[in-house]
C-alpha atoms as a PDB file:
ATOM      1  CA  MET A   1     118.559  70.763 109.738  1.00  0.00           C
ATOM      2  CA  THR A   2     121.400  73.089 110.311  1.00  0.00           C
ATOM      3  CA  LEU A   3     121.757  76.529 108.858  1.00  0.00           C
ATOM      4  CA  ASN A   4     124.505  75.299 106.535  1.00  0.00           C
ATOM      5  CA  THR A   5     122.339  72.592 104.953  1.00  0.00           C
ATOM      6  CA  ILE A   6     119.468  75.032 104.511  1.00  0.00           C
ATOM      7  CA  ALA A   7     121.818  77.435 102.742  1.00  0.00           C
ATOM      8  CA  GLN A   8     123.022  74.644 100.468  1.00  0.00           C
ATOM      9  CA  HIS A   9     119.454  73.666  99.565  1.00  0.00           C
ATOM     10  CA  VAL A  10     118.578  77.276  98.786  1.00  0.00           C
ATOM     11  CA  LYS A  11     121.708  77.652  96.668  1.00  0.00           C
ATOM     12  CA  HIS A  12     120.936  74.460  94.738  1.00  0.00           C
ATOM     13  CA  ALA A  13     117.316  75.504  94.202  1.00  0.00           C
ATOM     14  CA  ALA A  14     118.349  78.953  92.998  1.00  0.00           C
ATOM     15  CA  THR A  15     120.883  77.641  90.468  1.00  0.00           C
ATOM     16  CA  THR A  16     118.524  75.219  88.730  1.00  0.00           C
ATOM     17  CA  THR A  17     116.327  76.333  85.847  1.00  0.00           C
ATOM     18  CA  ARG A  18     113.145  75.787  87.832  1.00  0.00           C
ATOM     19  CA  GLY A  19     114.596  77.770  90.707  1.00  0.00           C
ATOM     20  CA  LYS A  20     115.471  80.658  88.420  1.00  0.00           C
ATOM     21  CA  ILE A  21     111.972  80.697  86.968  1.00  0.00           C
ATOM     22  CA  ALA A  22     110.401  80.540  90.421  1.00  0.00           C
ATOM     23  CA  GLY A  23     112.701  83.288  91.694  1.00  0.00           C
ATOM     24  CA  GLY A  24     111.898  85.507  88.717  1.00  0.00           C
ATOM     25  CA  ALA A  25     108.187  84.954  89.203  1.00  0.00           C
ATOM     26  CA  ALA A  26     108.495  85.762  92.907  1.00  0.00           C
ATOM     27  CA  LEU A  27     110.376  88.991  92.115  1.00  0.00           C
ATOM     28  CA  LEU A  28     107.760  89.933  89.533  1.00  0.00           C
ATOM     29  CA  MET A  29     104.908  89.337  91.968  1.00  0.00           C
ATOM     30  CA  GLY A  30     106.738  91.257  94.691  1.00  0.00           C
ATOM     31  CA  SER A  31     107.294  94.158  92.334  1.00  0.00           C
ATOM     32  CA  ALA A  32     103.621  94.179  91.322  1.00  0.00           C
ATOM     33  CA  ALA A  33     102.548  94.111  94.971  1.00  0.00           C
ATOM     34  CA  ALA A  34     104.901  96.980  95.820  1.00  0.00           C
ATOM     35  CA  HIS A  35     103.576  99.007  92.892  1.00  0.00           C
ATOM     36  CA  ALA A  36      99.990  98.383  93.961  1.00  0.00           C
ATOM     37  CA  GLN A  37     100.787  99.577  97.476  1.00  0.00           C
ATOM     38  CA  THR A  38     102.493 102.689  96.142  1.00  0.00           C
ATOM     39  CA  THR A  39      99.495 103.514  93.976  1.00  0.00           C
ATOM     40  CA  GLY A  40      97.170 103.072  96.957  1.00  0.00           C
ATOM     41  CA  ALA A  41      99.354 105.348  99.067  1.00  0.00           C
ATOM     42  CA  GLU A  42      99.433 107.985  96.351  1.00  0.00           C
ATOM     43  CA  SER A  43      95.659 107.981  95.969  1.00  0.00           C
ATOM     44  CA  ALA A  44      95.189 108.176  99.743  1.00  0.00           C
ATOM     45  CA  PHE A  45      97.613 111.104  99.937  1.00  0.00           C
ATOM     46  CA  SER A  46      95.818 112.935  97.137  1.00  0.00           C
ATOM     47  CA  GLU A  47      92.483 112.433  98.944  1.00  0.00           C
ATOM     48  CA  VAL A  48      93.946 113.856 102.162  1.00  0.00           C
ATOM     49  CA  GLN A  49      95.434 116.766 100.237  1.00  0.00           C
ATOM     50  CA  ALA A  50      92.084 117.528  98.600  1.00  0.00           C
ATOM     51  CA  ALA A  51      90.306 117.397 101.968  1.00  0.00           C
ATOM     52  CA  GLY A  52      92.894 119.766 103.444  1.00  0.00           C
ATOM     53  CA  ALA A  53      92.421 122.217 100.578  1.00  0.00           C
ATOM     54  CA  ASP A  54      88.655 122.130 101.111  1.00  0.00           C
ATOM     55  CA  MET A  55      89.068 122.800 104.835  1.00  0.00           C
ATOM     56  CA  ALA A  56      91.430 125.698 104.145  1.00  0.00           C
ATOM     57  CA  GLY A  57      88.841 127.119 101.768  1.00  0.00           C
ATOM     58  CA  TYR A  58      86.228 126.961 104.523  1.00  0.00           C
ATOM     59  CA  ALA A  59      88.572 128.626 107.032  1.00  0.00           C
ATOM     60  CA  TRP A  60      89.463 131.754 105.004  1.00  0.00           C
ATOM     61  CA  PRO A  61      86.095 133.533 105.432  1.00  0.00           C
ATOM     62  CA  VAL A  62      86.303 132.975 109.191  1.00  0.00           C
ATOM     63  CA  VAL A  63      89.869 134.305 109.351  1.00  0.00           C
ATOM     64  CA  ALA A  64      88.937 137.348 107.284  1.00  0.00           C
ATOM     65  CA  SER A  65      85.916 138.178 109.453  1.00  0.00           C
ATOM     66  CA  ILE A  66      87.908 137.833 112.687  1.00  0.00           C
ATOM     67  CA  THR A  67      90.677 140.055 111.309  1.00  0.00           C
ATOM     68  CA  ALA A  68      88.151 142.672 110.186  1.00  0.00           C
ATOM     69  CA  ALA A  69      86.453 142.578 113.598  1.00  0.00           C
ATOM     70  CA  LEU A  70      89.753 143.067 115.450  1.00  0.00           C
ATOM     71  CA  ILE A  71      90.714 145.994 113.221  1.00  0.00           C
ATOM     72  CA  GLY A  72      87.252 147.511 113.722  1.00  0.00           C
ATOM     73  CA  ILE A  73      87.533 147.210 117.508  1.00  0.00           C
ATOM     74  CA  LYS A  74      90.959 148.890 117.506  1.00  0.00           C
ATOM     75  CA  LEU A  75      89.726 151.742 115.323  1.00  0.00           C
ATOM     76  CA  PHE A  76      86.624 152.207 117.508  1.00  0.00           C
ATOM     77  CA  LYS A  77      88.778 152.400 120.643  1.00  0.00           C
ATOM     78  CA  LYS A  78      91.142 154.857 118.969  1.00  0.00           C
ATOM     79  CA  PHE A  79      88.383 157.212 117.851  1.00  0.00           C
ATOM     80  CA  ALA A  80      86.466 156.832 121.111  1.00  0.00           C
ATOM     81  CA  ASN A  81      89.542 157.904 123.114  1.00  0.00           C
ATOM     82  CA  ARG A  82      90.090 160.936 120.852  1.00  0.00           C
ATOM     83  CA  ALA A  83      86.467 162.042 121.135  1.00  0.00           C
ATOM     84  CA  SER A  84      86.444 162.064 124.914  1.00  0.00           C
END
């Protein structure tokens, strides 16, 4: 079969009533599949976002303690140099 005859068969199938029904059903199924994939992606993204928020919550006490330690070391050095 040549490309031209395939195109003619597709055109004939699409213009008949059965072809229109089949095409509509295919579009409906494709739309449903795309929606299902979008919903899965959204739920996966929300799970990743929640995990990231939890990890950030665990990191803040560590960041605060490191910052406090660095400030304490600087102040100790400053007062130690003034005392001697």
